[in-house]
Amino acid sequence: MPQPQFLSVGEGERRREIAVLAQPGKGPAVVWLGGFRSDMRATKAEALAAWAQAKGRCFIRFDYAGHGESGGDFARWTLSDWLEDALAVLAAKVDGPAVLVGSSMGGWLALLAARRLRERSPAQALAGLVLIAPAVDFSEELMWAQMPQAIRETILNDGVWLRPSAYAPEPTPITRALIEDGRSHLLFGRPIETGCPVHILQGMKDPDVPYDQALKLVEHLPHDPVVLTLIKDGDHRLSTPEDIERLIAAVEGIATTAG
């Protein structure tokens, strides 16, 4: 099993060490942005690592603060921190335009990173985006807006609610800081400009990110070339062998076109 390097991100009390796995190779770097409480050794990331190895492609993956091998208290961090992690990895490990592959929360972060790079560093503008069940604005639209009043009051009064998880034995802490910070990153309501081709993969039986969210995202990308692949029996993870084949084909298509 390859061992990660560690990248220092943040200042003062927010300083943390982010675990990064970087495979050298040709072409634009393919960079994996995982989901909420996922990690860089999950099924889809491992499949892309194997594809990149076989094709001699550059592939980079990492764990956000509080996730996987980066360690630390998950509940301490918010979307702003995880976006900072992603941008720090891109700045430290990527030379030139990259293809970002964002899964669930990573899809939202990939779009935010695209906007930030276009604002700050046009030379590092992205070569493409592949978004898997992109959970754009999830803290507001898929969490807060769906919560009963009693749970909202728990978050406001106690600062955290422990949400039972379908993917892990321990509950997921949903903090007031996460909800409030997420509001500073909302994308829906105005056009989203990525400046690159976008391929969205979305399951139609996804219980966590309904497929109408993907349709809504397409409507918010009026100036970018967008392909939307709807998988009729697909769930949120999209990790079956057929799903993995679709993912690799989408990434390879954009990466090959980009060089």
C-alpha atoms as a PDB file:
ATOM      1  CA  MET A   1       0.000   0.000   0.000  1.00  0.00           C
ATOM      2  CA  PRO A   2       1.527   3.367  -1.003  1.00  0.00           C
ATOM      3  CA  GLN A   3       2.261   5.693   1.895  1.00  0.00           C
ATOM      4  CA  PRO A   4       1.119   9.328   1.763  1.00  0.00           C
ATOM      5  CA  GLN A   5       3.150  12.489   1.949  1.00  0.00           C
ATOM      6  CA  PHE A   6       1.865  15.217   4.247  1.00  0.00           C
ATOM      7  CA  LEU A   7       1.196  18.819   3.303  1.00  0.00           C
ATOM      8  CA  SER A   8       0.855  21.591   5.897  1.00  0.00           C
ATOM      9  CA  VAL A   9      -2.236  23.736   5.363  1.00  0.00           C
ATOM     10  CA  GLY A  10      -3.610  26.677   7.325  1.00  0.00           C
ATOM     11  CA  GLU A  11      -2.247  28.957  10.008  1.00  0.00           C
ATOM     12  CA  GLY A  12      -2.190  29.011  13.793  1.00  0.00           C
ATOM     13  CA  GLU A  13      -4.894  26.903  15.424  1.00  0.00           C
ATOM     14  CA  ARG A  14      -6.247  25.940  11.987  1.00  0.00           C
ATOM     15  CA  ARG A  15      -2.933  24.434  10.865  1.00  0.00           C
ATOM     16  CA  ARG A  16      -3.207  20.768   9.927  1.00  0.00           C
ATOM     17  CA  GLU A  17      -1.338  18.062   8.026  1.00  0.00           C
ATOM     18  CA  ILE A  18      -3.100  16.789   4.920  1.00  0.00           C
ATOM     19  CA  ALA A  19      -2.327  13.275   3.637  1.00  0.00           C
ATOM     20  CA  VAL A  20      -1.622  13.199  -0.119  1.00  0.00           C
ATOM     21  CA  LEU A  21      -0.947  10.347  -2.548  1.00  0.00           C
ATOM     22  CA  ALA A  22       0.594  11.510  -5.834  1.00  0.00           C
ATOM     23  CA  GLN A  23       1.290   9.209  -8.786  1.00  0.00           C
ATOM     24  CA  PRO A  24       3.550  10.799 -11.419  1.00  0.00           C
ATOM     25  CA  GLY A  25       2.625  10.520 -15.053  1.00  0.00           C
ATOM     26  CA  LYS A  26       1.871  12.257 -18.321  1.00  0.00           C
ATOM     27  CA  GLY A  27      -0.938  14.558 -19.336  1.00  0.00           C
ATOM     28  CA  PRO A  28      -2.982  16.904 -17.172  1.00  0.00           C
ATOM     29  CA  ALA A  29      -3.110  15.778 -13.561  1.00  0.00           C
ATOM     30  CA  VAL A  30      -6.306  13.981 -12.573  1.00  0.00           C
ATOM     31  CA  VAL A  31      -7.160  15.059  -9.027  1.00  0.00           C
ATOM     32  CA  TRP A  32      -9.662  13.209  -6.815  1.00  0.00           C
ATOM     33  CA  LEU A  33     -11.918  15.197  -4.461  1.00  0.00           C
ATOM     34  CA  GLY A  34     -13.781  12.784  -2.221  1.00  0.00           C
ATOM     35  CA  GLY A  35     -17.105  13.031  -0.463  1.00  0.00           C
ATOM     36  CA  PHE A  36     -18.307  14.015   2.994  1.00  0.00           C
ATOM     37  CA  ARG A  37     -16.588  11.668   5.484  1.00  0.00           C
ATOM     38  CA  SER A  38     -15.142   9.547   2.667  1.00  0.00           C
ATOM     39  CA  ASP A  39     -11.426   9.011   2.089  1.00  0.00           C
ATOM     40  CA  MET A  40      -8.877   8.751  -0.689  1.00  0.00           C
ATOM     41  CA  ARG A  41      -8.675   4.942  -0.574  1.00  0.00           C
ATOM     42  CA  ALA A  42     -12.387   4.401  -1.283  1.00  0.00           C
ATOM     43  CA  THR A  43     -13.486   2.223  -4.209  1.00  0.00           C
ATOM     44  CA  LYS A  44     -13.763   4.864  -6.947  1.00  0.00           C
ATOM     45  CA  ALA A  45     -10.485   6.553  -6.021  1.00  0.00           C
ATOM     46  CA  GLU A  46      -8.660   3.216  -6.003  1.00  0.00           C
ATOM     47  CA  ALA A  47     -10.132   2.358  -9.406  1.00  0.00           C
ATOM     48  CA  LEU A  48      -8.914   5.658 -10.850  1.00  0.00           C
ATOM     49  CA  ALA A  49      -5.484   5.108  -9.297  1.00  0.00           C
ATOM     50  CA  ALA A  50      -5.257   1.723 -11.043  1.00  0.00           C
ATOM     51  CA  TRP A  51      -6.409   3.252 -14.352  1.00  0.00           C
ATOM     52  CA  ALA A  52      -3.841   6.059 -14.053  1.00  0.00           C
ATOM     53  CA  GLN A  53      -1.081   3.574 -13.256  1.00  0.00           C
ATOM     54  CA  ALA A  54      -1.957   1.451 -16.284  1.00  0.00           C
ATOM     55  CA  LYS A  55      -2.134   4.476 -18.592  1.00  0.00           C
ATOM     56  CA  GLY A  56       0.880   6.331 -17.186  1.00  0.00           C
ATOM     57  CA  ARG A  57      -1.359   9.238 -16.156  1.00  0.00           C
ATOM     58  CA  CYS A  58      -0.660  11.657 -13.322  1.00  0.00           C
ATOM     59  CA  PHE A  59      -3.160  11.048 -10.492  1.00  0.00           C
ATOM     60  CA  ILE A  60      -3.405  12.858  -7.173  1.00  0.00           C
ATOM     61  CA  ARG A  61      -5.711  12.150  -4.241  1.00  0.00           C
ATOM     62  CA  PHE A  62      -5.817  13.415  -0.682  1.00  0.00           C
ATOM     63  CA  ASP A  63      -7.822  13.382   2.536  1.00  0.00           C
ATOM     64  CA  TYR A  64      -9.440  16.578   3.789  1.00  0.00           C
ATOM     65  CA  ALA A  65      -8.884  17.715   7.371  1.00  0.00           C
ATOM     66  CA  GLY A  66     -10.712  15.337   9.703  1.00  0.00           C
ATOM     67  CA  HIS A  67     -10.945  12.657   7.011  1.00  0.00           C
ATOM     68  CA  GLY A  68      -9.039   9.409   6.482  1.00  0.00           C
ATOM     69  CA  GLU A  69      -5.284   9.549   7.010  1.00  0.00           C
ATOM     70  CA  SER A  70      -5.263  13.303   7.586  1.00  0.00           C
ATOM     71  CA  GLY A  71      -6.825  12.492  10.952  1.00  0.00           C
ATOM     72  CA  GLY A  72      -8.076  14.958  13.515  1.00  0.00           C
ATOM     73  CA  ASP A  73     -11.554  15.811  14.742  1.00  0.00           C
ATOM     74  CA  PHE A  74     -13.987  15.759  11.818  1.00  0.00           C
ATOM     75  CA  ALA A  75     -16.455  18.072  13.569  1.00  0.00           C
ATOM     76  CA  ARG A  76     -13.846  20.830  13.862  1.00  0.00           C
ATOM     77  CA  TRP A  77     -13.729  21.563  10.136  1.00  0.00           C
ATOM     78  CA  THR A  78     -16.037  23.167   7.585  1.00  0.00           C
ATOM     79  CA  LEU A  79     -16.350  23.568   3.822  1.00  0.00           C
ATOM     80  CA  SER A  80     -14.006  26.576   3.887  1.00  0.00           C
ATOM     81  CA  ASP A  81     -11.269  24.390   5.391  1.00  0.00           C
ATOM     82  CA  TRP A  82     -11.835  21.571   2.906  1.00  0.00           C
ATOM     83  CA  LEU A  83     -11.762  24.007  -0.011  1.00  0.00           C
ATOM     84  CA  GLU A  84      -8.510  25.399   1.358  1.00  0.00           C
ATOM     85  CA  ASP A  85      -7.146  21.832   1.515  1.00  0.00           C
ATOM     86  CA  ALA A  86      -8.059  21.218  -2.126  1.00  0.00           C
ATOM     87  CA  LEU A  87      -6.537  24.487  -3.334  1.00  0.00           C
ATOM     88  CA  ALA A  88      -3.361  23.851  -1.317  1.00  0.00           C
ATOM     89  CA  VAL A  89      -2.934  20.410  -2.901  1.00  0.00           C
ATOM     90  CA  LEU A  90      -3.483  21.861  -6.375  1.00  0.00           C
ATOM     91  CA  ALA A  91      -0.941  24.613  -5.724  1.00  0.00           C
ATOM     92  CA  ALA A  92       1.678  22.241  -4.302  1.00  0.00           C
ATOM     93  CA  LYS A  93       1.277  19.184  -6.509  1.00  0.00           C
ATOM     94  CA  VAL A  94      -0.136  20.277  -9.881  1.00  0.00           C
ATOM     95  CA  ASP A  95       1.768  21.995 -12.682  1.00  0.00           C
ATOM     96  CA  GLY A  96      -0.699  23.388 -15.202  1.00  0.00           C
ATOM     97  CA  PRO A  97      -4.413  22.747 -15.743  1.00  0.00           C
ATOM     98  CA  ALA A  98      -5.902  19.706 -13.985  1.00  0.00           C
ATOM     99  CA  VAL A  99      -8.954  17.499 -14.375  1.00  0.00           C
ATOM    100  CA  LEU A 100     -10.871  17.497 -11.101  1.00  0.00           C
ATOM    101  CA  VAL A 101     -12.986  14.456 -10.266  1.00  0.00           C
ATOM    102  CA  GLY A 102     -15.400  15.399  -7.487  1.00  0.00           C
ATOM    103  CA  SER A 103     -17.633  12.883  -5.729  1.00  0.00           C
ATOM    104  CA  SER A 104     -20.705  14.116  -3.814  1.00  0.00           C
ATOM    105  CA  MET A 105     -19.384  16.956  -1.591  1.00  0.00           C
ATOM    106  CA  GLY A 106     -16.247  16.823  -3.742  1.00  0.00           C
ATOM    107  CA  GLY A 107     -18.398  17.915  -6.680  1.00  0.00           C
ATOM    108  CA  TRP A 108     -19.363  21.110  -4.855  1.00  0.00           C
ATOM    109  CA  LEU A 109     -15.732  21.662  -3.851  1.00  0.00           C
ATOM    110  CA  ALA A 110     -14.566  21.072  -7.436  1.00  0.00           C
ATOM    111  CA  LEU A 111     -16.911  23.790  -8.707  1.00  0.00           C
ATOM    112  CA  LEU A 112     -15.772  26.161  -5.954  1.00  0.00           C
ATOM    113  CA  ALA A 113     -12.131  25.407  -6.771  1.00  0.00           C
ATOM    114  CA  ALA A 114     -12.801  26.065 -10.463  1.00  0.00           C
ATOM    115  CA  ARG A 115     -14.222  29.482  -9.623  1.00  0.00           C
ATOM    116  CA  ARG A 116     -11.348  30.335  -7.275  1.00  0.00           C
ATOM    117  CA  LEU A 117      -8.689  29.298  -9.787  1.00  0.00           C
ATOM    118  CA  ARG A 118     -10.294  31.375 -12.542  1.00  0.00           C
ATOM    119  CA  GLU A 119     -10.264  34.378 -10.211  1.00  0.00           C
ATOM    120  CA  ARG A 120      -6.757  33.950  -8.813  1.00  0.00           C
ATOM    121  CA  SER A 121      -4.672  32.062 -11.325  1.00  0.00           C
ATOM    122  CA  PRO A 122      -5.926  31.888 -14.927  1.00  0.00           C
ATOM    123  CA  ALA A 123      -2.854  29.821 -15.871  1.00  0.00           C
ATOM    124  CA  GLN A 124      -4.122  27.091 -13.528  1.00  0.00           C
ATOM    125  CA  ALA A 125      -7.679  27.142 -14.881  1.00  0.00           C
ATOM    126  CA  LEU A 126      -9.040  23.630 -15.112  1.00  0.00           C
ATOM    127  CA  ALA A 127      -8.830  21.274 -18.084  1.00  0.00           C
ATOM    128  CA  GLY A 128     -12.092  19.588 -17.132  1.00  0.00           C
ATOM    129  CA  LEU A 129     -14.478  18.424 -14.420  1.00  0.00           C
ATOM    130  CA  VAL A 130     -16.019  15.015 -13.794  1.00  0.00           C
ATOM    131  CA  LEU A 131     -18.688  15.229 -11.100  1.00  0.00           C
ATOM    132  CA  ILE A 132     -20.222  12.140  -9.471  1.00  0.00           C
ATOM    133  CA  ALA A 133     -23.585  12.790  -7.768  1.00  0.00           C
ATOM    134  CA  PRO A 134     -22.457  16.383  -7.135  1.00  0.00           C
ATOM    135  CA  ALA A 135     -23.880  17.585  -3.820  1.00  0.00           C
ATOM    136  CA  VAL A 136     -23.902  21.282  -4.677  1.00  0.00           C
ATOM    137  CA  ASP A 137     -25.106  23.462  -1.772  1.00  0.00           C
ATOM    138  CA  PHE A 138     -25.826  20.263   0.210  1.00  0.00           C
ATOM    139  CA  SER A 139     -25.479  21.816   3.674  1.00  0.00           C
ATOM    140  CA  GLU A 140     -28.379  24.154   2.912  1.00  0.00           C
ATOM    141  CA  GLU A 141     -30.553  22.333   0.354  1.00  0.00           C
ATOM    142  CA  LEU A 142     -30.058  18.696   1.356  1.00  0.00           C
ATOM    143  CA  MET A 143     -29.506  19.171   5.088  1.00  0.00           C
ATOM    144  CA  TRP A 144     -30.910  22.337   6.662  1.00  0.00           C
ATOM    145  CA  ALA A 145     -33.927  22.702   4.353  1.00  0.00           C
ATOM    146  CA  GLN A 146     -34.913  19.060   4.959  1.00  0.00           C
ATOM    147  CA  MET A 147     -34.457  19.009   8.741  1.00  0.00           C
ATOM    148  CA  PRO A 148     -37.382  19.013  11.181  1.00  0.00           C
ATOM    149  CA  GLN A 149     -37.521  22.037  13.449  1.00  0.00           C
ATOM    150  CA  ALA A 150     -36.441  19.964  16.473  1.00  0.00           C
ATOM    151  CA  ILE A 151     -33.163  19.004  14.797  1.00  0.00           C
ATOM    152  CA  ARG A 152     -32.553  22.590  13.692  1.00  0.00           C
ATOM    153  CA  GLU A 153     -33.016  23.723  17.292  1.00  0.00           C
ATOM    154  CA  THR A 154     -30.558  21.084  18.504  1.00  0.00           C
ATOM    155  CA  ILE A 155     -27.949  22.364  16.040  1.00  0.00           C
ATOM    156  CA  LEU A 156     -28.566  25.999  16.955  1.00  0.00           C
ATOM    157  CA  ASN A 157     -28.629  25.416  20.713  1.00  0.00           C
ATOM    158  CA  ASP A 158     -26.055  22.645  21.152  1.00  0.00           C
ATOM    159  CA  GLY A 159     -23.850  23.441  18.163  1.00  0.00           C
ATOM    160  CA  VAL A 160     -24.052  19.878  16.806  1.00  0.00           C
ATOM    161  CA  TRP A 161     -26.477  17.093  15.928  1.00  0.00           C
ATOM    162  CA  LEU A 162     -25.319  13.490  15.599  1.00  0.00           C
ATOM    163  CA  ARG A 163     -26.922  12.159  12.425  1.00  0.00           C
ATOM    164  CA  PRO A 164     -27.171   8.361  12.045  1.00  0.00           C
ATOM    165  CA  SER A 165     -25.085   7.224   9.073  1.00  0.00           C
ATOM    166  CA  ALA A 166     -25.997   4.654   6.434  1.00  0.00           C
ATOM    167  CA  TYR A 167     -22.313   4.277   5.574  1.00  0.00           C
ATOM    168  CA  ALA A 168     -20.589   3.960   8.967  1.00  0.00           C
ATOM    169  CA  PRO A 169     -21.411   2.528  12.406  1.00  0.00           C
ATOM    170  CA  GLU A 170     -20.821   5.829  14.177  1.00  0.00           C
ATOM    171  CA  PRO A 171     -23.085   8.860  13.634  1.00  0.00           C
ATOM    172  CA  THR A 172     -21.970  11.891  11.641  1.00  0.00           C
ATOM    173  CA  PRO A 173     -21.692  15.177  13.552  1.00  0.00           C
ATOM    174  CA  ILE A 174     -23.546  17.961  11.725  1.00  0.00           C
ATOM    175  CA  THR A 175     -22.333  21.191  13.281  1.00  0.00           C
ATOM    176  CA  ARG A 176     -23.762  24.671  13.371  1.00  0.00           C
ATOM    177  CA  ALA A 177     -20.405  25.863  12.000  1.00  0.00           C
ATOM    178  CA  LEU A 178     -20.781  23.560   8.980  1.00  0.00           C
ATOM    179  CA  ILE A 179     -24.263  24.884   8.181  1.00  0.00           C
ATOM    180  CA  GLU A 180     -23.364  28.549   8.683  1.00  0.00           C
ATOM    181  CA  ASP A 181     -20.069  28.308   6.799  1.00  0.00           C
ATOM    182  CA  GLY A 182     -21.773  26.513   3.907  1.00  0.00           C
ATOM    183  CA  ARG A 183     -23.959  29.575   3.318  1.00  0.00           C
ATOM    184  CA  SER A 184     -20.896  31.558   2.247  1.00  0.00           C
ATOM    185  CA  HIS A 185     -20.270  29.062  -0.579  1.00  0.00           C
ATOM    186  CA  LEU A 186     -23.726  28.573  -2.101  1.00  0.00           C
ATOM    187  CA  LEU A 187     -23.669  28.372  -5.911  1.00  0.00           C
ATOM    188  CA  PHE A 188     -27.259  27.935  -7.003  1.00  0.00           C
ATOM    189  CA  GLY A 189     -29.223  31.041  -7.940  1.00  0.00           C
ATOM    190  CA  ARG A 190     -26.762  32.461 -10.458  1.00  0.00           C
ATOM    191  CA  PRO A 191     -24.777  31.081 -13.433  1.00  0.00           C
ATOM    192  CA  ILE A 192     -21.771  28.911 -12.578  1.00  0.00           C
ATOM    193  CA  GLU A 193     -18.723  29.497 -14.778  1.00  0.00           C
ATOM    194  CA  THR A 194     -16.083  26.752 -14.901  1.00  0.00           C
ATOM    195  CA  GLY A 195     -14.429  27.586 -18.238  1.00  0.00           C
ATOM    196  CA  CYS A 196     -13.984  23.888 -19.033  1.00  0.00           C
ATOM    197  CA  PRO A 197     -15.896  20.782 -20.160  1.00  0.00           C
ATOM    198  CA  VAL A 198     -18.023  19.107 -17.473  1.00  0.00           C
ATOM    199  CA  HIS A 199     -19.267  15.506 -17.305  1.00  0.00           C
ATOM    200  CA  ILE A 200     -21.808  14.684 -14.587  1.00  0.00           C
ATOM    201  CA  LEU A 201     -22.595  11.097 -13.531  1.00  0.00           C
ATOM    202  CA  GLN A 202     -25.794  10.760 -11.493  1.00  0.00           C
ATOM    203  CA  GLY A 203     -27.800   7.827 -10.207  1.00  0.00           C
ATOM    204  CA  MET A 204     -31.571   8.118 -10.478  1.00  0.00           C
ATOM    205  CA  LYS A 205     -32.079   6.051  -7.304  1.00  0.00           C
ATOM    206  CA  ASP A 206     -29.707   8.163  -5.228  1.00  0.00           C
ATOM    207  CA  PRO A 207     -31.290   8.647  -1.767  1.00  0.00           C
ATOM    208  CA  ASP A 208     -28.771  11.313  -0.715  1.00  0.00           C
ATOM    209  CA  VAL A 209     -28.512  13.581  -3.761  1.00  0.00           C
ATOM    210  CA  PRO A 210     -31.734  13.397  -5.803  1.00  0.00           C
ATOM    211  CA  TYR A 211     -31.134  13.430  -9.535  1.00  0.00           C
ATOM    212  CA  ASP A 212     -33.097  16.656  -9.942  1.00  0.00           C
ATOM    213  CA  GLN A 213     -30.085  18.312  -8.268  1.00  0.00           C
ATOM    214  CA  ALA A 214     -27.975  17.236 -11.258  1.00  0.00           C
ATOM    215  CA  LEU A 215     -30.574  18.639 -13.657  1.00  0.00           C
ATOM    216  CA  LYS A 216     -30.538  21.873 -11.676  1.00  0.00           C
ATOM    217  CA  LEU A 217     -26.746  22.016 -11.922  1.00  0.00           C
ATOM    218  CA  VAL A 218     -26.861  21.604 -15.710  1.00  0.00           C
ATOM    219  CA  GLU A 219     -29.232  24.579 -15.888  1.00  0.00           C
ATOM    220  CA  HIS A 220     -26.691  26.614 -13.905  1.00  0.00           C
ATOM    221  CA  LEU A 221     -23.857  25.865 -16.382  1.00  0.00           C
ATOM    222  CA  PRO A 222     -25.107  27.829 -19.400  1.00  0.00           C
ATOM    223  CA  HIS A 223     -21.732  28.586 -20.973  1.00  0.00           C
ATOM    224  CA  ASP A 224     -19.827  25.315 -20.476  1.00  0.00           C
ATOM    225  CA  PRO A 225     -19.966  22.128 -22.570  1.00  0.00           C
ATOM    226  CA  VAL A 226     -21.825  19.705 -20.291  1.00  0.00           C
ATOM    227  CA  VAL A 227     -22.583  15.995 -20.576  1.00  0.00           C
ATOM    228  CA  LEU A 228     -25.030  14.494 -18.076  1.00  0.00           C
ATOM    229  CA  THR A 229     -25.128  10.709 -17.713  1.00  0.00           C
ATOM    230  CA  LEU A 230     -28.149   9.476 -15.749  1.00  0.00           C
ATOM    231  CA  ILE A 231     -27.883   5.898 -14.450  1.00  0.00           C
ATOM    232  CA  LYS A 232     -31.445   4.608 -14.071  1.00  0.00           C
ATOM    233  CA  ASP A 233     -30.704   2.099 -11.288  1.00  0.00           C
ATOM    234  CA  GLY A 234     -27.721   4.014  -9.846  1.00  0.00           C
ATOM    235  CA  ASP A 235     -27.411   4.761  -6.118  1.00  0.00           C
ATOM    236  CA  HIS A 236     -25.312   7.446  -4.426  1.00  0.00           C
ATOM    237  CA  ARG A 237     -22.026   5.584  -4.386  1.00  0.00           C
ATOM    238  CA  LEU A 238     -22.009   4.565  -8.064  1.00  0.00           C
ATOM    239  CA  SER A 239     -19.382   1.918  -7.258  1.00  0.00           C
ATOM    240  CA  THR A 240     -20.606  -1.143  -9.187  1.00  0.00           C
ATOM    241  CA  PRO A 241     -18.255  -2.488 -11.891  1.00  0.00           C
ATOM    242  CA  GLU A 242     -20.485  -0.870 -14.540  1.00  0.00           C
ATOM    243  CA  ASP A 243     -20.453   2.446 -12.673  1.00  0.00           C
ATOM    244  CA  ILE A 244     -16.656   2.324 -12.402  1.00  0.00           C
ATOM    245  CA  GLU A 245     -16.410   1.711 -16.153  1.00  0.00           C
ATOM    246  CA  ARG A 246     -18.566   4.786 -16.802  1.00  0.00           C
ATOM    247  CA  LEU A 247     -16.430   6.861 -14.441  1.00  0.00           C
ATOM    248  CA  ILE A 248     -13.159   5.826 -16.058  1.00  0.00           C
ATOM    249  CA  ALA A 249     -14.564   6.453 -19.533  1.00  0.00           C
ATOM    250  CA  ALA A 250     -15.696   9.943 -18.491  1.00  0.00           C
ATOM    251  CA  VAL A 251     -12.330  10.807 -16.931  1.00  0.00           C
ATOM    252  CA  GLU A 252     -10.367   9.337 -19.815  1.00  0.00           C
ATOM    253  CA  GLY A 253     -12.509  11.226 -22.332  1.00  0.00           C
ATOM    254  CA  ILE A 254     -11.895  14.605 -20.726  1.00  0.00           C
ATOM    255  CA  ALA A 255      -8.230  13.933 -19.856  1.00  0.00           C
ATOM    256  CA  THR A 256      -7.432  12.724 -23.381  1.00  0.00           C
ATOM    257  CA  THR A 257      -9.125  15.705 -24.993  1.00  0.00           C
ATOM    258  CA  ALA A 258      -7.195  18.029 -22.674  1.00  0.00           C
ATOM    259  CA  GLY A 259      -3.897  16.406 -23.558  1.00  0.00           C
END
